[in-house]
Amino acid sequence: MAQSTSPTTPVQKPAAKPVRSIPYVSITGEDGKQRHYETNAIPLLFHRACFGWRMYLGGPNRVVSLKEVLTTSQPAEQVIAGPETEVSADKTKATTRMLETVQDGVLQRSWCIIPGDPPGTYTYDVSIDGEPRGEFVFCAIEVPDQNPNTDPRELSCPNKFNAVERAQPQIRKAS
């Protein structure tokens, strides 16, 4: 994909602050259906729970330079990361630098829980085009029975975001 700009039209920079930033969690239940929540409480459900952040930046579709720094309160047993990510020797910090696409004014990233992910605080510091743009603080909470129907809204988290379940878009039939 190539980005083009007209030489006669100046490129406008997006506003300095995002309109809305949201942490979220998705969980695949026993029934195979994925449930989505606006929350920062992550149940450590291996291969079932994913979590991420979404920023509403506005403006046109474009490619931006993203720097994302993850700091965890405990080391991970294993880290699966691509070449764009640098992991500290103690496995408590991972810095990712990459180009990402803002689509319909939104930038988002997500990860899925794997065995060995530690409980505790996960903090993501996000910079876009060299400017600090947000911080997302998650609580990763152990689920000893690995119950796939765990509701993150019922988990105890010291810095819990006011969580809600996201309604799935309803398909309307033309009449």
N, C-alpha and C. Protein backbone atom coordinates (compact mmCIF):
# COMPACT_ATOMS: atom_id res chain seq x y z
N MET A 1 0.85 -1.16 0.00
CA MET A 1 0.00 0.00 0.00
C MET A 1 0.89 1.23 0.00
N ALA A 2 0.64 2.13 -0.89
CA ALA A 2 1.41 3.35 -0.96
C ALA A 2 0.57 4.51 -0.48
N GLN A 3 1.20 5.42 0.21
CA GLN A 3 0.50 6.60 0.69
C GLN A 3 0.85 7.73 -0.24
N SER A 4 -0.16 8.46 -0.70
CA SER A 4 0.14 9.57 -1.59
C SER A 4 -0.47 10.84 -1.03
N THR A 5 0.22 11.95 -1.28
CA THR A 5 -0.31 13.25 -0.91
C THR A 5 -0.15 14.17 -2.10
N SER A 6 -1.08 15.08 -2.21
CA SER A 6 -1.02 16.04 -3.30
C SER A 6 -0.01 17.12 -2.93
N PRO A 7 0.91 17.47 -3.84
CA PRO A 7 1.90 18.48 -3.51
C PRO A 7 1.30 19.86 -3.27
N THR A 8 0.08 20.11 -3.76
CA THR A 8 -0.53 21.43 -3.57
C THR A 8 -1.39 21.51 -2.32
N THR A 9 -1.67 20.36 -1.70
CA THR A 9 -2.50 20.34 -0.49
C THR A 9 -1.63 20.01 0.72
N PRO A 10 -1.55 20.91 1.72
CA PRO A 10 -0.74 20.59 2.90
C PRO A 10 -1.35 19.44 3.68
N VAL A 11 -0.50 18.61 4.26
CA VAL A 11 -0.96 17.49 5.08
C VAL A 11 -1.29 18.03 6.45
N GLN A 12 -2.51 17.73 6.94
CA GLN A 12 -2.90 18.20 8.26
C GLN A 12 -2.57 17.13 9.29
N LYS A 13 -2.00 17.58 10.42
CA LYS A 13 -1.70 16.65 11.51
C LYS A 13 -2.98 16.45 12.32
N PRO A 14 -3.17 15.22 12.86
CA PRO A 14 -4.34 15.00 13.71
C PRO A 14 -4.22 15.78 15.00
N ALA A 15 -5.32 15.93 15.70
CA ALA A 15 -5.33 16.62 16.99
C ALA A 15 -4.32 15.96 17.93
N ALA A 16 -3.79 16.72 18.87
CA ALA A 16 -2.73 16.23 19.75
C ALA A 16 -3.21 15.15 20.72
N LYS A 17 -4.50 15.12 21.04
CA LYS A 17 -5.01 14.14 22.00
C LYS A 17 -6.09 13.29 21.35
N PRO A 18 -6.15 11.98 21.70
CA PRO A 18 -7.22 11.15 21.16
C PRO A 18 -8.58 11.59 21.71
N VAL A 19 -9.63 11.36 20.92
CA VAL A 19 -10.97 11.70 21.35
C VAL A 19 -11.40 10.76 22.47
N ARG A 20 -11.10 9.47 22.32
CA ARG A 20 -11.50 8.48 23.33
C ARG A 20 -10.54 7.31 23.23
N SER A 21 -10.11 6.83 24.36
CA SER A 21 -9.23 5.67 24.41
C SER A 21 -9.90 4.60 25.26
N ILE A 22 -9.89 3.38 24.76
CA ILE A 22 -10.63 2.31 25.43
C ILE A 22 -9.79 1.05 25.56
N PRO A 23 -9.66 0.50 26.78
CA PRO A 23 -9.09 -0.84 26.92
C PRO A 23 -10.21 -1.85 26.69
N TYR A 24 -9.86 -3.00 26.14
CA TYR A 24 -10.90 -4.00 25.93
C TYR A 24 -10.36 -5.41 26.10
N VAL A 25 -11.30 -6.34 26.35
CA VAL A 25 -10.99 -7.76 26.51
C VAL A 25 -12.01 -8.54 25.69
N SER A 26 -11.54 -9.58 25.00
CA SER A 26 -12.41 -10.49 24.26
C SER A 26 -12.16 -11.89 24.80
N ILE A 27 -13.24 -12.63 25.02
CA ILE A 27 -13.12 -13.99 25.55
C ILE A 27 -13.94 -14.94 24.69
N THR A 28 -13.32 -16.04 24.30
CA THR A 28 -14.04 -17.07 23.58
C THR A 28 -14.60 -18.05 24.59
N GLY A 29 -15.92 -18.15 24.67
CA GLY A 29 -16.59 -19.00 25.64
C GLY A 29 -16.62 -20.45 25.21
N GLU A 30 -17.17 -21.30 26.08
CA GLU A 30 -17.29 -22.73 25.78
C GLU A 30 -18.11 -22.98 24.53
N ASP A 31 -19.05 -22.06 24.26
CA ASP A 31 -19.91 -22.21 23.08
C ASP A 31 -19.22 -21.77 21.79
N GLY A 32 -17.96 -21.29 21.92
CA GLY A 32 -17.20 -20.86 20.74
C GLY A 32 -17.47 -19.42 20.36
N LYS A 33 -18.42 -18.77 21.01
CA LYS A 33 -18.74 -17.37 20.70
C LYS A 33 -17.78 -16.44 21.43
N GLN A 34 -17.39 -15.39 20.73
CA GLN A 34 -16.50 -14.41 21.32
C GLN A 34 -17.33 -13.30 21.96
N ARG A 35 -16.99 -12.95 23.20
CA ARG A 35 -17.67 -11.88 23.91
C ARG A 35 -16.67 -10.74 24.11
N HIS A 36 -17.14 -9.52 23.91
CA HIS A 36 -16.27 -8.34 23.95
C HIS A 36 -16.68 -7.43 25.10
N TYR A 37 -15.68 -6.95 25.83
CA TYR A 37 -15.93 -6.09 26.99
C TYR A 37 -15.01 -4.88 26.93
N GLU A 38 -15.54 -3.71 27.29
CA GLU A 38 -14.70 -2.53 27.48
C GLU A 38 -14.26 -2.60 28.94
N THR A 39 -13.07 -3.13 29.17
CA THR A 39 -12.56 -3.30 30.52
C THR A 39 -11.05 -3.44 30.47
N ASN A 40 -10.42 -3.27 31.61
CA ASN A 40 -8.98 -3.50 31.71
C ASN A 40 -8.68 -4.70 32.60
N ALA A 41 -9.71 -5.45 33.01
CA ALA A 41 -9.53 -6.65 33.83
C ALA A 41 -9.39 -7.85 32.89
N ILE A 42 -8.19 -8.41 32.84
CA ILE A 42 -7.89 -9.51 31.92
C ILE A 42 -7.88 -10.83 32.69
N PRO A 43 -8.83 -11.72 32.43
CA PRO A 43 -8.72 -13.05 33.03
C PRO A 43 -7.62 -13.83 32.30
N LEU A 44 -6.71 -14.43 33.03
CA LEU A 44 -5.63 -15.18 32.40
C LEU A 44 -6.16 -16.55 31.93
N LEU A 45 -6.97 -16.49 30.88
CA LEU A 45 -7.55 -17.69 30.25
C LEU A 45 -6.70 -18.01 29.03
N PHE A 46 -5.87 -19.03 29.15
CA PHE A 46 -4.91 -19.35 28.11
C PHE A 46 -5.60 -19.73 26.81
N HIS A 47 -5.18 -19.07 25.73
CA HIS A 47 -5.68 -19.31 24.37
C HIS A 47 -7.16 -18.98 24.22
N ARG A 48 -7.76 -18.26 25.17
CA ARG A 48 -9.18 -17.87 25.08
C ARG A 48 -9.39 -16.37 25.25
N ALA A 49 -8.57 -15.73 26.09
CA ALA A 49 -8.73 -14.30 26.36
C ALA A 49 -7.71 -13.50 25.56
N CYS A 50 -8.19 -12.43 24.97
CA CYS A 50 -7.32 -11.47 24.28
C CYS A 50 -7.65 -10.10 24.85
N PHE A 51 -6.71 -9.20 24.77
CA PHE A 51 -6.92 -7.86 25.31
C PHE A 51 -6.21 -6.86 24.44
N GLY A 52 -6.64 -5.62 24.53
CA GLY A 52 -6.00 -4.61 23.71
C GLY A 52 -6.47 -3.22 24.05
N TRP A 53 -6.08 -2.30 23.21
CA TRP A 53 -6.49 -0.91 23.37
C TRP A 53 -6.93 -0.36 22.02
N ARG A 54 -7.78 0.63 22.10
CA ARG A 54 -8.30 1.29 20.90
C ARG A 54 -8.27 2.79 21.16
N MET A 55 -7.72 3.55 20.21
CA MET A 55 -7.70 5.01 20.31
C MET A 55 -8.46 5.58 19.13
N TYR A 56 -9.33 6.53 19.43
CA TYR A 56 -10.04 7.25 18.38
C TYR A 56 -9.24 8.53 18.13
N LEU A 57 -8.55 8.56 16.99
CA LEU A 57 -7.69 9.69 16.66
C LEU A 57 -8.34 10.66 15.69
N GLY A 58 -9.32 10.19 14.93
CA GLY A 58 -9.95 11.03 13.92
C GLY A 58 -9.04 11.19 12.71
N GLY A 59 -9.45 12.03 11.81
CA GLY A 59 -8.65 12.31 10.62
C GLY A 59 -8.77 11.23 9.56
N PRO A 60 -7.99 11.41 8.50
CA PRO A 60 -8.07 10.48 7.36
C PRO A 60 -7.37 9.15 7.67
N ASN A 61 -7.65 8.15 6.83
CA ASN A 61 -6.90 6.89 6.91
C ASN A 61 -5.46 7.23 6.60
N ARG A 62 -4.52 6.67 7.38
CA ARG A 62 -3.12 7.00 7.20
C ARG A 62 -2.25 6.00 7.93
N VAL A 63 -0.97 6.02 7.62
CA VAL A 63 0.01 5.18 8.31
C VAL A 63 0.75 6.07 9.30
N VAL A 64 0.90 5.57 10.54
CA VAL A 64 1.60 6.32 11.58
C VAL A 64 2.72 5.47 12.15
N SER A 65 3.67 6.14 12.77
CA SER A 65 4.76 5.46 13.46
C SER A 65 4.32 5.25 14.91
N LEU A 66 4.26 3.97 15.31
CA LEU A 66 3.79 3.61 16.65
C LEU A 66 4.95 3.12 17.49
N LYS A 67 5.02 3.61 18.72
CA LYS A 67 5.94 3.06 19.72
C LYS A 67 5.07 2.68 20.90
N GLU A 68 5.16 1.42 21.29
CA GLU A 68 4.34 0.89 22.37
C GLU A 68 5.29 0.22 23.37
N VAL A 69 5.24 0.67 24.61
CA VAL A 69 6.11 0.10 25.65
C VAL A 69 5.24 -0.61 26.68
N LEU A 70 5.41 -1.92 26.77
CA LEU A 70 4.70 -2.73 27.76
C LEU A 70 5.62 -2.95 28.95
N THR A 71 5.10 -2.67 30.14
CA THR A 71 5.83 -2.98 31.38
C THR A 71 4.90 -3.84 32.23
N THR A 72 5.42 -4.98 32.69
CA THR A 72 4.63 -5.86 33.56
C THR A 72 5.22 -5.85 34.96
N SER A 73 4.36 -6.11 35.95
CA SER A 73 4.83 -6.10 37.35
C SER A 73 5.61 -7.36 37.70
N GLN A 74 5.50 -8.40 36.86
CA GLN A 74 6.26 -9.65 37.05
C GLN A 74 6.76 -10.11 35.68
N PRO A 75 7.85 -10.86 35.64
CA PRO A 75 8.35 -11.35 34.34
C PRO A 75 7.44 -12.41 33.74
N ALA A 76 7.40 -12.43 32.42
CA ALA A 76 6.68 -13.48 31.70
C ALA A 76 7.58 -14.71 31.59
N GLU A 77 6.98 -15.90 31.60
CA GLU A 77 7.78 -17.12 31.42
C GLU A 77 8.30 -17.21 30.00
N GLN A 78 7.46 -16.79 29.05
CA GLN A 78 7.88 -16.79 27.65
C GLN A 78 7.33 -15.54 26.98
N VAL A 79 8.03 -15.09 25.97
CA VAL A 79 7.58 -13.93 25.21
C VAL A 79 7.62 -14.30 23.74
N ILE A 80 6.48 -14.15 23.08
CA ILE A 80 6.43 -14.39 21.64
C ILE A 80 6.32 -13.01 21.00
N ALA A 81 7.37 -12.61 20.31
CA ALA A 81 7.41 -11.27 19.72
C ALA A 81 8.14 -11.31 18.39
N GLY A 82 7.75 -10.41 17.51
CA GLY A 82 8.39 -10.30 16.21
C GLY A 82 9.63 -9.44 16.28
N PRO A 83 10.28 -9.26 15.15
CA PRO A 83 11.54 -8.50 15.10
C PRO A 83 11.37 -7.02 15.44
N GLU A 84 10.12 -6.51 15.40
CA GLU A 84 9.88 -5.10 15.72
C GLU A 84 9.82 -4.86 17.23
N THR A 85 9.93 -5.95 18.02
CA THR A 85 9.82 -5.83 19.48
C THR A 85 11.13 -6.20 20.16
N GLU A 86 11.56 -5.34 21.06
CA GLU A 86 12.77 -5.55 21.85
C GLU A 86 12.33 -5.87 23.28
N VAL A 87 12.76 -7.01 23.81
CA VAL A 87 12.35 -7.47 25.14
C VAL A 87 13.53 -7.34 26.10
N SER A 88 13.26 -6.81 27.31
CA SER A 88 14.32 -6.66 28.31
C SER A 88 14.78 -8.04 28.79
N ALA A 89 15.98 -8.10 29.30
CA ALA A 89 16.56 -9.37 29.76
C ALA A 89 15.72 -10.01 30.87
N ASP A 90 15.10 -9.18 31.72
CA ASP A 90 14.30 -9.74 32.82
C ASP A 90 12.85 -10.03 32.42
N LYS A 91 12.51 -9.82 31.15
CA LYS A 91 11.18 -10.10 30.58
C LYS A 91 10.04 -9.35 31.27
N THR A 92 10.32 -8.11 31.71
CA THR A 92 9.27 -7.27 32.30
C THR A 92 8.97 -6.05 31.43
N LYS A 93 9.71 -5.89 30.33
CA LYS A 93 9.50 -4.73 29.47
C LYS A 93 9.70 -5.13 28.01
N ALA A 94 8.76 -4.72 27.18
CA ALA A 94 8.86 -4.98 25.74
C ALA A 94 8.53 -3.69 25.01
N THR A 95 9.43 -3.29 24.11
CA THR A 95 9.23 -2.06 23.33
C THR A 95 9.04 -2.44 21.87
N THR A 96 7.89 -2.05 21.33
CA THR A 96 7.58 -2.34 19.93
C THR A 96 7.57 -1.04 19.15
N ARG A 97 8.25 -1.05 18.02
CA ARG A 97 8.26 0.10 17.11
C ARG A 97 7.84 -0.42 15.74
N MET A 98 6.77 0.19 15.20
CA MET A 98 6.28 -0.27 13.91
C MET A 98 5.38 0.78 13.26
N LEU A 99 5.11 0.57 11.99
CA LEU A 99 4.14 1.40 11.30
C LEU A 99 2.79 0.72 11.41
N GLU A 100 1.77 1.49 11.72
CA GLU A 100 0.40 0.97 11.86
C GLU A 100 -0.54 1.87 11.07
N THR A 101 -1.66 1.31 10.66
CA THR A 101 -2.64 2.06 9.88
C THR A 101 -3.79 2.55 10.76
N VAL A 102 -4.06 3.84 10.68
CA VAL A 102 -5.25 4.42 11.29
C VAL A 102 -6.35 4.23 10.26
N GLN A 103 -7.38 3.47 10.65
CA GLN A 103 -8.49 3.16 9.74
C GLN A 103 -9.77 3.77 10.30
N ASP A 104 -10.44 4.59 9.51
CA ASP A 104 -11.66 5.26 9.95
C ASP A 104 -11.45 6.01 11.26
N GLY A 105 -10.27 6.61 11.42
CA GLY A 105 -9.95 7.41 12.59
C GLY A 105 -9.54 6.63 13.82
N VAL A 106 -9.41 5.28 13.68
CA VAL A 106 -9.14 4.43 14.84
C VAL A 106 -7.80 3.70 14.69
N LEU A 107 -7.06 3.64 15.78
CA LEU A 107 -5.84 2.84 15.86
C LEU A 107 -6.04 1.87 17.01
N GLN A 108 -5.72 0.58 16.77
CA GLN A 108 -5.88 -0.40 17.84
C GLN A 108 -4.86 -1.50 17.73
N ARG A 109 -4.60 -2.13 18.87
CA ARG A 109 -3.69 -3.27 18.93
C ARG A 109 -4.23 -4.25 19.96
N SER A 110 -3.90 -5.53 19.79
CA SER A 110 -4.35 -6.52 20.76
C SER A 110 -3.38 -7.69 20.84
N TRP A 111 -3.49 -8.47 21.93
CA TRP A 111 -2.64 -9.62 22.21
C TRP A 111 -3.50 -10.68 22.86
N CYS A 112 -3.06 -11.91 22.80
CA CYS A 112 -3.81 -13.00 23.43
C CYS A 112 -2.98 -13.64 24.54
N ILE A 113 -3.68 -14.13 25.55
CA ILE A 113 -3.05 -14.72 26.73
C ILE A 113 -2.54 -16.13 26.40
N ILE A 114 -1.30 -16.40 26.82
CA ILE A 114 -0.69 -17.72 26.65
C ILE A 114 -0.18 -18.21 28.01
N PRO A 115 0.02 -19.52 28.15
CA PRO A 115 0.56 -20.02 29.42
C PRO A 115 1.88 -19.32 29.75
N GLY A 116 2.04 -18.96 31.01
CA GLY A 116 3.26 -18.28 31.45
C GLY A 116 3.09 -16.77 31.54
N ASP A 117 1.96 -16.23 31.03
CA ASP A 117 1.72 -14.80 31.22
C ASP A 117 1.46 -14.57 32.70
N PRO A 118 2.15 -13.59 33.29
CA PRO A 118 2.04 -13.41 34.74
C PRO A 118 0.80 -12.62 35.16
N PRO A 119 0.32 -12.88 36.38
CA PRO A 119 -0.71 -12.01 36.92
C PRO A 119 -0.08 -10.68 37.32
N GLY A 120 -0.91 -9.68 37.52
CA GLY A 120 -0.40 -8.39 37.97
C GLY A 120 -0.76 -7.27 37.01
N THR A 121 0.01 -6.20 37.07
CA THR A 121 -0.26 -5.00 36.29
C THR A 121 0.50 -5.03 34.97
N TYR A 122 -0.20 -4.71 33.89
CA TYR A 122 0.39 -4.56 32.56
C TYR A 122 0.12 -3.11 32.16
N THR A 123 1.17 -2.35 31.91
CA THR A 123 1.02 -0.96 31.51
C THR A 123 1.57 -0.77 30.10
N TYR A 124 0.75 -0.20 29.23
CA TYR A 124 1.16 0.13 27.86
C TYR A 124 1.25 1.64 27.74
N ASP A 125 2.43 2.15 27.40
CA ASP A 125 2.62 3.55 27.08
C ASP A 125 2.72 3.65 25.57
N VAL A 126 1.84 4.47 24.98
CA VAL A 126 1.71 4.53 23.52
C VAL A 126 2.11 5.91 23.02
N SER A 127 3.02 5.93 22.04
CA SER A 127 3.39 7.16 21.35
C SER A 127 3.10 7.00 19.87
N ILE A 128 2.59 8.05 19.27
CA ILE A 128 2.27 8.04 17.84
C ILE A 128 3.01 9.20 17.20
N ASP A 129 3.75 8.88 16.15
CA ASP A 129 4.55 9.87 15.44
C ASP A 129 5.42 10.68 16.40
N GLY A 130 5.99 9.98 17.41
CA GLY A 130 6.91 10.59 18.34
C GLY A 130 6.27 11.33 19.51
N GLU A 131 4.94 11.41 19.55
CA GLU A 131 4.25 12.12 20.62
C GLU A 131 3.56 11.14 21.57
N PRO A 132 3.76 11.28 22.89
CA PRO A 132 3.03 10.42 23.84
C PRO A 132 1.53 10.65 23.67
N ARG A 133 0.77 9.57 23.51
CA ARG A 133 -0.66 9.72 23.24
C ARG A 133 -1.56 8.99 24.22
N GLY A 134 -1.02 8.07 25.01
CA GLY A 134 -1.91 7.40 25.95
C GLY A 134 -1.20 6.36 26.79
N GLU A 135 -1.85 6.03 27.89
CA GLU A 135 -1.38 4.97 28.78
C GLU A 135 -2.59 4.08 29.08
N PHE A 136 -2.37 2.79 29.00
CA PHE A 136 -3.41 1.81 29.30
C PHE A 136 -2.87 0.91 30.41
N VAL A 137 -3.61 0.83 31.52
CA VAL A 137 -3.19 0.01 32.65
C VAL A 137 -4.20 -1.13 32.80
N PHE A 138 -3.71 -2.36 32.65
CA PHE A 138 -4.54 -3.56 32.75
C PHE A 138 -4.19 -4.32 34.01
N CYS A 139 -5.16 -5.11 34.52
CA CYS A 139 -4.93 -6.06 35.61
C CYS A 139 -5.06 -7.45 35.01
N ALA A 140 -4.03 -8.24 35.10
CA ALA A 140 -4.09 -9.63 34.65
C ALA A 140 -4.36 -10.49 35.89
N ILE A 141 -5.47 -11.24 35.85
CA ILE A 141 -5.95 -11.94 37.03
C ILE A 141 -6.02 -13.43 36.77
N GLU A 142 -5.42 -14.20 37.68
CA GLU A 142 -5.42 -15.66 37.53
C GLU A 142 -6.84 -16.23 37.62
N VAL A 143 -7.10 -17.24 36.81
CA VAL A 143 -8.37 -17.97 36.83
C VAL A 143 -7.98 -19.45 36.98
N PRO A 144 -7.86 -19.93 38.23
CA PRO A 144 -7.34 -21.29 38.46
C PRO A 144 -8.09 -22.39 37.73
N ASP A 145 -9.42 -22.26 37.61
CA ASP A 145 -10.18 -23.33 36.94
C ASP A 145 -10.25 -23.15 35.43
N GLN A 146 -9.68 -22.06 34.90
CA GLN A 146 -9.67 -21.77 33.46
C GLN A 146 -11.09 -21.79 32.87
N ASN A 147 -12.06 -21.35 33.64
CA ASN A 147 -13.46 -21.33 33.19
C ASN A 147 -13.61 -20.37 32.02
N PRO A 148 -13.94 -20.89 30.82
CA PRO A 148 -14.04 -20.03 29.64
C PRO A 148 -15.23 -19.08 29.67
N ASN A 149 -16.12 -19.25 30.62
CA ASN A 149 -17.27 -18.35 30.74
C ASN A 149 -17.06 -17.29 31.82
N THR A 150 -15.81 -17.09 32.23
CA THR A 150 -15.47 -16.05 33.20
C THR A 150 -15.88 -14.69 32.65
N ASP A 151 -16.52 -13.89 33.48
CA ASP A 151 -16.92 -12.54 33.11
C ASP A 151 -15.93 -11.56 33.73
N PRO A 152 -15.16 -10.82 32.94
CA PRO A 152 -14.15 -9.92 33.51
C PRO A 152 -14.75 -8.82 34.38
N ARG A 153 -16.03 -8.52 34.19
CA ARG A 153 -16.67 -7.50 35.02
C ARG A 153 -16.80 -7.94 36.47
N GLU A 154 -16.68 -9.25 36.71
CA GLU A 154 -16.83 -9.78 38.07
C GLU A 154 -15.47 -9.98 38.77
N LEU A 155 -14.39 -9.66 38.09
CA LEU A 155 -13.06 -9.85 38.66
C LEU A 155 -12.65 -8.64 39.50
N SER A 156 -11.87 -8.90 40.53
CA SER A 156 -11.38 -7.84 41.41
C SER A 156 -10.07 -7.30 40.86
N CYS A 157 -10.04 -5.99 40.63
CA CYS A 157 -8.88 -5.34 40.04
C CYS A 157 -8.71 -3.99 40.73
N PRO A 158 -7.52 -3.69 41.28
CA PRO A 158 -7.36 -2.45 42.04
C PRO A 158 -7.53 -1.17 41.20
N ASN A 159 -7.28 -1.24 39.91
CA ASN A 159 -7.42 -0.04 39.07
C ASN A 159 -8.41 -0.31 37.94
N LYS A 160 -9.56 -0.89 38.32
CA LYS A 160 -10.53 -1.35 37.32
C LYS A 160 -11.21 -0.20 36.59
N PHE A 161 -11.23 -0.35 35.27
CA PHE A 161 -11.96 0.54 34.38
C PHE A 161 -13.44 0.15 34.49
N ASN A 162 -14.36 1.10 34.41
CA ASN A 162 -15.79 0.80 34.49
C ASN A 162 -16.19 -0.04 33.28
N ALA A 163 -16.31 -1.34 33.46
CA ALA A 163 -16.47 -2.28 32.37
C ALA A 163 -17.91 -2.44 31.92
N VAL A 164 -18.07 -2.61 30.62
CA VAL A 164 -19.37 -2.91 30.03
C VAL A 164 -19.18 -3.96 28.94
N GLU A 165 -20.21 -4.77 28.71
CA GLU A 165 -20.13 -5.72 27.60
C GLU A 165 -20.54 -4.98 26.34
N ARG A 166 -19.78 -5.19 25.28
CA ARG A 166 -20.08 -4.55 24.00
C ARG A 166 -21.18 -5.33 23.29
N ALA A 167 -22.22 -4.65 22.89
CA ALA A 167 -23.28 -5.31 22.13
C ALA A 167 -22.77 -5.55 20.72
N GLN A 168 -23.09 -6.69 20.19
CA GLN A 168 -22.70 -7.01 18.82
C GLN A 168 -23.67 -6.31 17.87
N PRO A 169 -23.17 -5.80 16.74
CA PRO A 169 -24.06 -5.14 15.79
C PRO A 169 -25.14 -6.12 15.31
N GLN A 170 -26.37 -5.63 15.28
CA GLN A 170 -27.47 -6.46 14.81
C GLN A 170 -27.58 -6.33 13.30
N ILE A 171 -27.76 -7.45 12.64
CA ILE A 171 -27.93 -7.44 11.19
C ILE A 171 -29.40 -7.15 10.93
N ARG A 172 -29.63 -6.08 10.20
CA ARG A 172 -31.01 -5.70 9.90
C ARG A 172 -31.36 -6.19 8.51
N LYS A 173 -32.54 -6.75 8.41
CA LYS A 173 -33.03 -7.22 7.12
C LYS A 173 -33.77 -6.08 6.45
N ALA A 174 -33.53 -5.93 5.16
CA ALA A 174 -34.26 -4.91 4.40
C ALA A 174 -35.71 -5.29 4.32
N SER A 175 -36.60 -4.32 4.48
CA SER A 175 -38.02 -4.65 4.40
C SER A 175 -38.69 -3.86 3.31
